[in-house]
Each structure stands twice: as C-alpha cells, then as structure tokens.
Amino acid sequence: MNYLGVLNKMQTENASPIQYYLVFENDFLHVNQLLDKKVTIQFEGYQCLNCKLDKKIYRQGFCYDCFYEIPQAADWIMRPELSKAHLDKEDRDLEYEKKVQLQPHIVYLANSSNVKVGVTRKTQVPTRWIDQGAHEAIEIVEVPNRYLAGVTEVALKEYVSDKTNWRKMLKNEIADEVLEDWRFKLRPYIPAEAAAYFIEHNTETHLEFPVLRYPEKPKSLNLEKTPEFQGVLKGIKGQYWIFEDDTVFNIRSNEGYKVAISVQ
C-alpha cells in the first residue's frame, strides 16, 4: 500500500481505543490498521497549508510569509489572553477572529505527563485532549469567549503546569491523579470575571490509546535529517507514531511536509 500527500494533524474518533486517520487530498489512511506493520516514511518536499506553495515550512504548517500574515497563526492562537474580538478590535482579520474567539471555550485540566491546565473551544472536546495524549481530563469552566478562557488559564498556571512533557507522555510515566479534587483546589484562583462560569458538577473523561509497546527512550524523527525512515509501528498516542526502535514521529510538528508512506 502506498500513500502520497501533505501531512495535517491526524483526525480522531473517540472510541476504545481511539481511532486515528491520516487524511490526504485524494486518500486517507486508517492508522490503527498499521500497528505491527513495517512502515516507510519518505520526505518529498513542502507545501504550505495556506498558500499551497513549495516553500520551507516555518511553523504550524505555514511558510514564513503566511505565518506572519494569516489570522490562523496570530499570537492569540497560542496565547488566548491576547484575544481582542470581544472588544471589537482587529488583530489580523476581525471577521475570522470573531468567528473563532466569540464562541464557548473550555478551561480544563488534563493528565498526560503531569496535571496541566489548558484552553480549547468547546467544539474541540475531547479532540484537544486526545491530541495531547491525555489519559484523563476534566473541564473547569465554560466561558463565552476566548479572552476569558485565556485570562483564567494565565491565573491557574501559577499553581499548575501549562505544558506537557512529551517524553514522559510517550513513555506512559503518568502519576495517578484525581482531577476532580484538583478542580476544587484551583477554584479560588479563578479570576473574578470568570468565577461565575465554574462548572459545579463534572466527571473525568478517560481516554484509551492504541499502543502495543511504549518507548523506553523516545527519540524524534526529523525528516530533514533523515529523509527516509522505516520501522515497525507499535503505537499511536497524542499526535505521535511510536516505532519498535523507540523512534517517535510527531505528525503535528510536521504539518506541511509532503511525504510518501508505504506499508508492508
């Protein structure tokens, strides 16, 4: 089986275990079916996810020019507290910013390598948690816009991390935590403007990943340094492919890379 296309983050379906799909322009790959098979990944070039040109990818699947021009890559994407659409103020494209920022957002706790706080649009639950490789997650507040979610996250990350340790996540070195207890511990630190949006009654969501073997010493595959790689796929977690030799391949951080994938 041979597949050719530009990498975008895998699409997911919340089942037991989670189902993963790699979607190309004219084809798609049900990645779970590749487990225990020999997979070859070959780097074929670049294609910016925005302008579609063969230009070196800078960040988030975009070339340098697009990254600094389009609203999909503005600072408020990574730092929600910088959102201004609720004030009717434009950053790069007010119509786009209103569409994305002025909708319900969730501030949550997830346990992927440690307990972390994060923000996502309500429509992205539980996709966001799956993409982070979280075994469990719980919602703290549901607010009407991205700005309120951002300032809540900023306040809470004084007391809990906002980062995932990708190596610990992939090695499955995860302490057992009671996220419901964490919610109430953090409640007093929610900013006054978001306090009324605290979700009083909530339960944890548990997620199961299709992993046959976790890596002991995960090492990242860099397609520019290793343009052709072959290995037996042993697991999928977050947006990573895990291979038998402990090589891990982050689909998300290789968005915009054109690849040929063959399966034996």
C-alpha atoms as a PDB file:
ATOM      1  CA  MET A   1       0.000   0.000   0.000  1.00  0.00           C
ATOM      2  CA  ASN A   2       1.367   3.406  -0.989  1.00  0.00           C
ATOM      3  CA  TYR A   3       0.119   6.849   0.016  1.00  0.00           C
ATOM      4  CA  LEU A   4       1.311  10.296  -1.047  1.00  0.00           C
ATOM      5  CA  GLY A   5       0.201  13.572   0.469  1.00  0.00           C
ATOM      6  CA  VAL A   6       0.787  16.589   2.694  1.00  0.00           C
ATOM      7  CA  LEU A   7       0.755  15.988   6.444  1.00  0.00           C
ATOM      8  CA  ASN A   8      -2.022  17.526   8.536  1.00  0.00           C
ATOM      9  CA  LYS A   9      -2.676  16.557  12.119  1.00  0.00           C
ATOM     10  CA  MET A  10      -4.446  13.210  12.375  1.00  0.00           C
ATOM     11  CA  GLN A  11      -8.213  13.188  12.674  1.00  0.00           C
ATOM     12  CA  THR A  12      -9.519  11.146  15.581  1.00  0.00           C
ATOM     13  CA  GLU A  13     -12.579   9.263  16.751  1.00  0.00           C
ATOM     14  CA  ASN A  14     -13.106   8.759  20.486  1.00  0.00           C
ATOM     15  CA  ALA A  15     -13.522   5.004  20.774  1.00  0.00           C
ATOM     16  CA  SER A  16     -11.819   2.313  22.880  1.00  0.00           C
ATOM     17  CA  PRO A  17      -9.114   2.564  21.775  1.00  0.00           C
ATOM     18  CA  ILE A  18      -9.061   5.926  19.948  1.00  0.00           C
ATOM     19  CA  GLN A  19      -9.186   5.601  16.143  1.00  0.00           C
ATOM     20  CA  TYR A  20      -6.719   7.650  14.099  1.00  0.00           C
ATOM     21  CA  TYR A  21      -6.974   8.766  10.467  1.00  0.00           C
ATOM     22  CA  LEU A  22      -4.365  10.478   8.307  1.00  0.00           C
ATOM     23  CA  VAL A  23      -6.283  12.398   5.642  1.00  0.00           C
ATOM     24  CA  PHE A  24      -4.656  13.377   2.346  1.00  0.00           C
ATOM     25  CA  GLU A  25      -6.153  15.317  -0.552  1.00  0.00           C
ATOM     26  CA  ASN A  26      -7.175  12.209  -2.508  1.00  0.00           C
ATOM     27  CA  ASP A  27      -6.805   9.440   0.041  1.00  0.00           C
ATOM     28  CA  PHE A  28      -6.886   8.587   3.720  1.00  0.00           C
ATOM     29  CA  LEU A  29      -5.137   6.135   5.966  1.00  0.00           C
ATOM     30  CA  HIS A  30      -6.707   4.387   8.986  1.00  0.00           C
ATOM     31  CA  VAL A  31      -3.532   4.451  11.076  1.00  0.00           C
ATOM     32  CA  ASN A  32      -4.684   1.849  13.652  1.00  0.00           C
ATOM     33  CA  GLN A  33      -4.526  -0.753  10.878  1.00  0.00           C
ATOM     34  CA  LEU A  34      -0.771  -0.139  10.526  1.00  0.00           C
ATOM     35  CA  LEU A  35       0.051  -1.418  14.031  1.00  0.00           C
ATOM     36  CA  ASP A  36       2.660  -4.200  13.926  1.00  0.00           C
ATOM     37  CA  LYS A  37       3.333  -3.471  10.245  1.00  0.00           C
ATOM     38  CA  LYS A  38       6.534  -2.181   8.629  1.00  0.00           C
ATOM     39  CA  VAL A  39       6.022   1.444   7.591  1.00  0.00           C
ATOM     40  CA  THR A  40       8.296   3.558   5.383  1.00  0.00           C
ATOM     41  CA  ILE A  41       8.083   7.370   5.513  1.00  0.00           C
ATOM     42  CA  GLN A  42       9.833   9.313   2.762  1.00  0.00           C
ATOM     43  CA  PHE A  43      10.196  13.105   2.744  1.00  0.00           C
ATOM     44  CA  GLU A  44       9.162  14.552  -0.650  1.00  0.00           C
ATOM     45  CA  GLY A  45       9.158  18.330  -0.054  1.00  0.00           C
ATOM     46  CA  TYR A  46       6.993  21.072   1.414  1.00  0.00           C
ATOM     47  CA  GLN A  47       3.535  22.501   0.785  1.00  0.00           C
ATOM     48  CA  CYS A  48       2.408  25.418   2.953  1.00  0.00           C
ATOM     49  CA  LEU A  49      -1.048  24.650   4.352  1.00  0.00           C
ATOM     50  CA  ASN A  50      -2.192  28.171   3.448  1.00  0.00           C
ATOM     51  CA  CYS A  51      -0.643  29.298   0.129  1.00  0.00           C
ATOM     52  CA  LYS A  52      -0.020  25.683  -1.081  1.00  0.00           C
ATOM     53  CA  LEU A  53       3.403  26.713  -2.452  1.00  0.00           C
ATOM     54  CA  ASP A  54       6.514  24.562  -2.192  1.00  0.00           C
ATOM     55  CA  LYS A  55       8.127  26.808   0.430  1.00  0.00           C
ATOM     56  CA  LYS A  56      10.020  25.697   3.527  1.00  0.00           C
ATOM     57  CA  ILE A  57       7.700  25.309   6.488  1.00  0.00           C
ATOM     58  CA  TYR A  58       8.348  27.831   9.249  1.00  0.00           C
ATOM     59  CA  ARG A  59       5.793  26.994  11.977  1.00  0.00           C
ATOM     60  CA  GLN A  60       2.385  25.310  12.383  1.00  0.00           C
ATOM     61  CA  GLY A  61       2.419  24.019   8.799  1.00  0.00           C
ATOM     62  CA  PHE A  62       2.821  27.502   7.277  1.00  0.00           C
ATOM     63  CA  CYS A  63       5.663  29.143   5.354  1.00  0.00           C
ATOM     64  CA  TYR A  64       7.363  32.203   6.876  1.00  0.00           C
ATOM     65  CA  ASP A  65       5.271  34.760   4.938  1.00  0.00           C
ATOM     66  CA  CYS A  66       1.928  33.120   5.731  1.00  0.00           C
ATOM     67  CA  PHE A  67       2.821  32.599   9.391  1.00  0.00           C
ATOM     68  CA  TYR A  68       3.223  36.354   9.865  1.00  0.00           C
ATOM     69  CA  GLU A  69       0.181  37.336   7.776  1.00  0.00           C
ATOM     70  CA  ILE A  70      -2.775  34.990   8.284  1.00  0.00           C
ATOM     71  CA  PRO A  71      -5.157  35.091  11.284  1.00  0.00           C
ATOM     72  CA  GLN A  72      -4.803  31.320  11.832  1.00  0.00           C
ATOM     73  CA  ALA A  73      -1.240  31.916  13.073  1.00  0.00           C
ATOM     74  CA  ALA A  74      -1.705  35.091  15.125  1.00  0.00           C
ATOM     75  CA  ASP A  75      -0.352  35.305  18.686  1.00  0.00           C
ATOM     76  CA  TRP A  76      -3.796  34.834  20.281  1.00  0.00           C
ATOM     77  CA  ILE A  77      -3.901  31.260  18.917  1.00  0.00           C
ATOM     78  CA  MET A  78      -1.139  30.216  21.320  1.00  0.00           C
ATOM     79  CA  ARG A  79      -1.890  32.893  23.921  1.00  0.00           C
ATOM     80  CA  PRO A  80      -5.691  33.151  24.263  1.00  0.00           C
ATOM     81  CA  GLU A  81      -5.406  36.002  26.773  1.00  0.00           C
ATOM     82  CA  LEU A  82      -4.366  38.258  23.858  1.00  0.00           C
ATOM     83  CA  SER A  83      -7.780  37.841  22.188  1.00  0.00           C
ATOM     84  CA  LYS A  84      -9.483  41.172  21.391  1.00  0.00           C
ATOM     85  CA  ALA A  85     -12.521  40.302  19.268  1.00  0.00           C
ATOM     86  CA  HIS A  86     -14.821  40.779  22.294  1.00  0.00           C
ATOM     87  CA  LEU A  87     -13.665  44.436  22.257  1.00  0.00           C
ATOM     88  CA  ASP A  88     -14.384  44.670  18.505  1.00  0.00           C
ATOM     89  CA  LYS A  89     -10.643  45.182  17.926  1.00  0.00           C
ATOM     90  CA  GLU A  90      -8.892  43.613  14.943  1.00  0.00           C
ATOM     91  CA  ASP A  91      -5.599  41.803  15.111  1.00  0.00           C
ATOM     92  CA  ARG A  92      -5.272  40.465  11.534  1.00  0.00           C
ATOM     93  CA  ASP A  93      -8.824  39.732  10.367  1.00  0.00           C
ATOM     94  CA  LEU A  94     -11.689  40.752  12.649  1.00  0.00           C
ATOM     95  CA  GLU A  95     -14.316  38.619  10.905  1.00  0.00           C
ATOM     96  CA  TYR A  96     -12.231  35.470  11.366  1.00  0.00           C
ATOM     97  CA  GLU A  97     -11.275  36.458  14.917  1.00  0.00           C
ATOM     98  CA  LYS A  98     -14.908  36.969  15.914  1.00  0.00           C
ATOM     99  CA  LYS A  99     -15.859  33.603  14.446  1.00  0.00           C
ATOM    100  CA  VAL A 100     -13.201  31.750  16.436  1.00  0.00           C
ATOM    101  CA  GLN A 101     -12.922  33.834  19.618  1.00  0.00           C
ATOM    102  CA  LEU A 102     -16.572  34.636  20.286  1.00  0.00           C
ATOM    103  CA  GLN A 103     -17.774  31.104  20.956  1.00  0.00           C
ATOM    104  CA  PRO A 104     -17.844  28.914  24.074  1.00  0.00           C
ATOM    105  CA  HIS A 105     -14.400  27.946  25.343  1.00  0.00           C
ATOM    106  CA  ILE A 106     -13.390  25.416  27.987  1.00  0.00           C
ATOM    107  CA  VAL A 107     -10.595  25.712  30.533  1.00  0.00           C
ATOM    108  CA  TYR A 108      -9.650  22.176  31.521  1.00  0.00           C
ATOM    109  CA  LEU A 109      -7.224  20.018  33.436  1.00  0.00           C
ATOM    110  CA  ALA A 110      -5.589  17.108  31.637  1.00  0.00           C
ATOM    111  CA  ASN A 111      -3.206  14.399  32.809  1.00  0.00           C
ATOM    112  CA  SER A 112      -0.788  13.447  30.050  1.00  0.00           C
ATOM    113  CA  SER A 113       2.635  13.594  31.744  1.00  0.00           C
ATOM    114  CA  ASN A 114       1.522  15.631  34.750  1.00  0.00           C
ATOM    115  CA  VAL A 115      -1.553  17.667  35.603  1.00  0.00           C
ATOM    116  CA  LYS A 116      -1.747  20.630  33.231  1.00  0.00           C
ATOM    117  CA  VAL A 117      -4.206  23.417  32.574  1.00  0.00           C
ATOM    118  CA  GLY A 118      -5.293  24.256  29.041  1.00  0.00           C
ATOM    119  CA  VAL A 119      -7.819  26.050  26.841  1.00  0.00           C
ATOM    120  CA  THR A 120      -9.879  24.804  23.923  1.00  0.00           C
ATOM    121  CA  ARG A 121     -13.023  25.665  22.039  1.00  0.00           C
ATOM    122  CA  LYS A 122     -15.981  23.648  23.355  1.00  0.00           C
ATOM    123  CA  THR A 123     -16.364  22.056  19.914  1.00  0.00           C
ATOM    124  CA  GLN A 124     -12.826  20.630  20.298  1.00  0.00           C
ATOM    125  CA  VAL A 125     -13.658  18.492  23.350  1.00  0.00           C
ATOM    126  CA  PRO A 126     -12.363  15.738  23.568  1.00  0.00           C
ATOM    127  CA  THR A 127     -10.239  16.136  20.392  1.00  0.00           C
ATOM    128  CA  ARG A 128      -7.853  18.538  22.122  1.00  0.00           C
ATOM    129  CA  TRP A 129      -7.252  16.059  24.955  1.00  0.00           C
ATOM    130  CA  ILE A 130      -6.619  13.214  22.514  1.00  0.00           C
ATOM    131  CA  ASP A 131      -4.095  15.360  20.612  1.00  0.00           C
ATOM    132  CA  GLN A 132      -2.190  15.978  23.858  1.00  0.00           C
ATOM    133  CA  GLY A 133      -2.038  12.296  24.742  1.00  0.00           C
ATOM    134  CA  ALA A 134      -4.030  12.806  27.947  1.00  0.00           C
ATOM    135  CA  HIS A 135      -5.309   9.666  29.682  1.00  0.00           C
ATOM    136  CA  GLU A 136      -7.835  11.697  31.620  1.00  0.00           C
ATOM    137  CA  ALA A 137      -9.210  15.217  31.561  1.00  0.00           C
ATOM    138  CA  ILE A 138     -11.908  17.323  33.205  1.00  0.00           C
ATOM    139  CA  GLU A 139     -13.494  20.698  32.459  1.00  0.00           C
ATOM    140  CA  ILE A 140     -13.187  23.525  35.000  1.00  0.00           C
ATOM    141  CA  VAL A 141     -15.038  26.476  33.455  1.00  0.00           C
ATOM    142  CA  GLU A 142     -17.057  27.095  30.311  1.00  0.00           C
ATOM    143  CA  VAL A 143     -16.820  30.744  29.252  1.00  0.00           C
ATOM    144  CA  PRO A 144     -18.440  32.610  26.318  1.00  0.00           C
ATOM    145  CA  ASN A 145     -15.218  33.775  24.637  1.00  0.00           C
ATOM    146  CA  ARG A 146     -11.533  33.006  24.180  1.00  0.00           C
ATOM    147  CA  TYR A 147     -10.295  36.004  26.158  1.00  0.00           C
ATOM    148  CA  LEU A 148     -11.961  34.865  29.406  1.00  0.00           C
ATOM    149  CA  ALA A 149     -10.566  31.368  28.918  1.00  0.00           C
ATOM    150  CA  GLY A 150      -7.110  32.847  28.362  1.00  0.00           C
ATOM    151  CA  VAL A 151      -7.043  35.008  31.490  1.00  0.00           C
ATOM    152  CA  THR A 152      -8.319  32.043  33.524  1.00  0.00           C
ATOM    153  CA  GLU A 153      -5.516  29.846  32.187  1.00  0.00           C
ATOM    154  CA  VAL A 154      -2.920  32.536  32.964  1.00  0.00           C
ATOM    155  CA  ALA A 155      -4.179  32.746  36.558  1.00  0.00           C
ATOM    156  CA  LEU A 156      -4.256  28.976  37.097  1.00  0.00           C
ATOM    157  CA  LYS A 157      -0.845  28.254  35.621  1.00  0.00           C
ATOM    158  CA  GLU A 158       0.638  29.982  38.647  1.00  0.00           C
ATOM    159  CA  TYR A 159      -0.418  26.836  40.543  1.00  0.00           C
ATOM    160  CA  VAL A 160      -0.303  24.058  37.930  1.00  0.00           C
ATOM    161  CA  SER A 161       1.733  23.497  34.760  1.00  0.00           C
ATOM    162  CA  ASP A 162       0.505  24.514  31.303  1.00  0.00           C
ATOM    163  CA  LYS A 163       2.996  22.254  29.481  1.00  0.00           C
ATOM    164  CA  THR A 164       3.140  18.566  28.594  1.00  0.00           C
ATOM    165  CA  ASN A 165       6.442  16.701  28.913  1.00  0.00           C
ATOM    166  CA  TRP A 166       6.268  14.809  25.618  1.00  0.00           C
ATOM    167  CA  ARG A 167       8.851  12.208  26.629  1.00  0.00           C
ATOM    168  CA  LYS A 168       7.022  11.279  29.844  1.00  0.00           C
ATOM    169  CA  MET A 169       3.717  11.250  27.953  1.00  0.00           C
ATOM    170  CA  LEU A 170       5.079   8.822  25.352  1.00  0.00           C
ATOM    171  CA  LYS A 171       6.800   6.607  27.945  1.00  0.00           C
ATOM    172  CA  ASN A 172       3.468   6.469  29.816  1.00  0.00           C
ATOM    173  CA  GLU A 173       5.095   7.701  33.026  1.00  0.00           C
ATOM    174  CA  ILE A 174       1.944   9.213  34.442  1.00  0.00           C
ATOM    175  CA  ALA A 175       1.087   9.605  38.110  1.00  0.00           C
ATOM    176  CA  ASP A 176      -2.465   8.700  39.090  1.00  0.00           C
ATOM    177  CA  GLU A 177      -4.307  11.931  39.875  1.00  0.00           C
ATOM    178  CA  VAL A 178      -7.842  12.767  40.994  1.00  0.00           C
ATOM    179  CA  LEU A 179      -8.667  15.645  38.675  1.00  0.00           C
ATOM    180  CA  GLU A 180     -11.976  16.351  40.437  1.00  0.00           C
ATOM    181  CA  ASP A 181     -10.009  17.215  43.584  1.00  0.00           C
ATOM    182  CA  TRP A 182      -7.654  19.449  41.578  1.00  0.00           C
ATOM    183  CA  ARG A 183     -10.655  21.360  40.193  1.00  0.00           C
ATOM    184  CA  PHE A 184     -11.819  22.404  43.616  1.00  0.00           C
ATOM    185  CA  LYS A 185      -8.275  23.144  44.808  1.00  0.00           C
ATOM    186  CA  LEU A 186      -7.866  25.589  41.923  1.00  0.00           C
ATOM    187  CA  ARG A 187     -11.323  27.145  42.125  1.00  0.00           C
ATOM    188  CA  PRO A 188     -10.307  30.014  44.482  1.00  0.00           C
ATOM    189  CA  TYR A 189      -7.727  31.176  41.917  1.00  0.00           C
ATOM    190  CA  ILE A 190     -10.167  31.604  39.022  1.00  0.00           C
ATOM    191  CA  PRO A 191     -10.290  35.339  38.142  1.00  0.00           C
ATOM    192  CA  ALA A 192     -13.393  37.198  39.360  1.00  0.00           C
ATOM    193  CA  GLU A 193     -14.602  37.866  35.790  1.00  0.00           C
ATOM    194  CA  ALA A 194     -14.735  34.110  35.088  1.00  0.00           C
ATOM    195  CA  ALA A 195     -15.730  32.776  38.531  1.00  0.00           C
ATOM    196  CA  ALA A 196     -19.441  32.529  37.697  1.00  0.00           C
ATOM    197  CA  TYR A 197     -18.654  30.110  34.874  1.00  0.00           C
ATOM    198  CA  PHE A 198     -17.242  27.379  37.125  1.00  0.00           C
ATOM    199  CA  ILE A 199     -18.837  24.016  36.269  1.00  0.00           C
ATOM    200  CA  GLU A 200     -20.218  22.760  39.594  1.00  0.00           C
ATOM    201  CA  HIS A 201     -20.810  19.091  38.728  1.00  0.00           C
ATOM    202  CA  ASN A 202     -18.418  17.327  36.430  1.00  0.00           C
ATOM    203  CA  THR A 203     -16.697  13.977  35.957  1.00  0.00           C
ATOM    204  CA  GLU A 204     -13.425  12.940  34.391  1.00  0.00           C
ATOM    205  CA  THR A 205     -13.184  11.761  30.794  1.00  0.00           C
ATOM    206  CA  HIS A 206     -10.897   8.745  30.354  1.00  0.00           C
ATOM    207  CA  LEU A 207      -9.132   8.020  27.075  1.00  0.00           C
ATOM    208  CA  GLU A 208      -7.510   4.827  25.767  1.00  0.00           C
ATOM    209  CA  PHE A 209      -4.723   4.963  23.189  1.00  0.00           C
ATOM    210  CA  PRO A 210      -3.802   2.224  20.698  1.00  0.00           C
ATOM    211  CA  VAL A 211      -0.306   1.406  21.973  1.00  0.00           C
ATOM    212  CA  LEU A 212       1.197  -2.108  21.899  1.00  0.00           C
ATOM    213  CA  ARG A 213       4.522  -1.022  23.383  1.00  0.00           C
ATOM    214  CA  TYR A 214       5.668   2.260  24.926  1.00  0.00           C
ATOM    215  CA  PRO A 215       9.176   3.530  24.103  1.00  0.00           C
ATOM    216  CA  GLU A 216      11.850   3.430  26.804  1.00  0.00           C
ATOM    217  CA  LYS A 217      13.989   6.217  25.320  1.00  0.00           C
ATOM    218  CA  PRO A 218      11.909   8.079  22.725  1.00  0.00           C
ATOM    219  CA  LYS A 219      13.920   9.795  20.005  1.00  0.00           C
ATOM    220  CA  SER A 220      12.315  12.157  17.496  1.00  0.00           C
ATOM    221  CA  LEU A 221      12.351  11.534  13.761  1.00  0.00           C
ATOM    222  CA  ASN A 222      13.491  14.654  11.880  1.00  0.00           C
ATOM    223  CA  LEU A 223      12.562  14.268   8.198  1.00  0.00           C
ATOM    224  CA  GLU A 224      15.066  16.874   7.046  1.00  0.00           C
ATOM    225  CA  LYS A 225      17.950  14.976   8.660  1.00  0.00           C
ATOM    226  CA  THR A 226      16.505  11.516   7.906  1.00  0.00           C
ATOM    227  CA  PRO A 227      14.504  11.868   4.672  1.00  0.00           C
ATOM    228  CA  GLU A 228      13.696   8.143   4.591  1.00  0.00           C
ATOM    229  CA  PHE A 229      12.761   6.092   7.653  1.00  0.00           C
ATOM    230  CA  GLN A 230      11.494   2.544   8.020  1.00  0.00           C
ATOM    231  CA  GLY A 231      10.205   0.866  11.178  1.00  0.00           C
ATOM    232  CA  VAL A 232       7.502  -1.299  12.726  1.00  0.00           C
ATOM    233  CA  LEU A 233       4.672   0.797  14.157  1.00  0.00           C
ATOM    234  CA  LYS A 234       3.907  -0.103  17.772  1.00  0.00           C
ATOM    235  CA  GLY A 235       1.574   2.644  18.911  1.00  0.00           C
ATOM    236  CA  ILE A 236      -0.211   5.948  18.367  1.00  0.00           C
ATOM    237  CA  LYS A 237      -0.562   8.464  21.160  1.00  0.00           C
ATOM    238  CA  GLY A 238      -1.358  12.149  21.025  1.00  0.00           C
ATOM    239  CA  GLN A 239      -0.245  13.053  17.509  1.00  0.00           C
ATOM    240  CA  TYR A 240       2.757  10.709  17.644  1.00  0.00           C
ATOM    241  CA  TRP A 241       3.566   7.468  15.851  1.00  0.00           C
ATOM    242  CA  ILE A 242       5.657   5.164  18.076  1.00  0.00           C
ATOM    243  CA  PHE A 243       8.031   2.694  16.413  1.00  0.00           C
ATOM    244  CA  GLU A 244       9.642  -0.517  17.658  1.00  0.00           C
ATOM    245  CA  ASP A 245      13.135   1.024  17.839  1.00  0.00           C
ATOM    246  CA  ASP A 246      11.860   3.877  20.112  1.00  0.00           C
ATOM    247  CA  THR A 247      11.746   6.359  17.215  1.00  0.00           C
ATOM    248  CA  VAL A 248       8.700   8.636  17.516  1.00  0.00           C
ATOM    249  CA  PHE A 249       7.234  10.767  14.741  1.00  0.00           C
ATOM    250  CA  ASN A 250       5.149  13.833  15.605  1.00  0.00           C
ATOM    251  CA  ILE A 251       2.607  14.317  12.815  1.00  0.00           C
ATOM    252  CA  ARG A 252       1.538  17.712  14.194  1.00  0.00           C
ATOM    253  CA  SER A 253       5.014  19.231  14.123  1.00  0.00           C
ATOM    254  CA  ASN A 254       5.486  18.004  10.533  1.00  0.00           C
ATOM    255  CA  GLU A 255       2.344  19.590   9.102  1.00  0.00           C
ATOM    256  CA  GLY A 256       3.008  20.974   5.620  1.00  0.00           C
ATOM    257  CA  TYR A 257       5.596  18.295   4.850  1.00  0.00           C
ATOM    258  CA  LYS A 258       4.880  16.257   1.727  1.00  0.00           C
ATOM    259  CA  VAL A 259       5.515  12.542   2.333  1.00  0.00           C
ATOM    260  CA  ALA A 260       5.233   9.174   0.657  1.00  0.00           C
ATOM    261  CA  ILE A 261       4.131   6.420   3.044  1.00  0.00           C
ATOM    262  CA  SER A 262       4.318   2.747   2.154  1.00  0.00           C
ATOM    263  CA  VAL A 263       3.153  -0.211   4.252  1.00  0.00           C
ATOM    264  CA  GLN A 264       4.358  -3.810   4.167  1.00  0.00           C
END
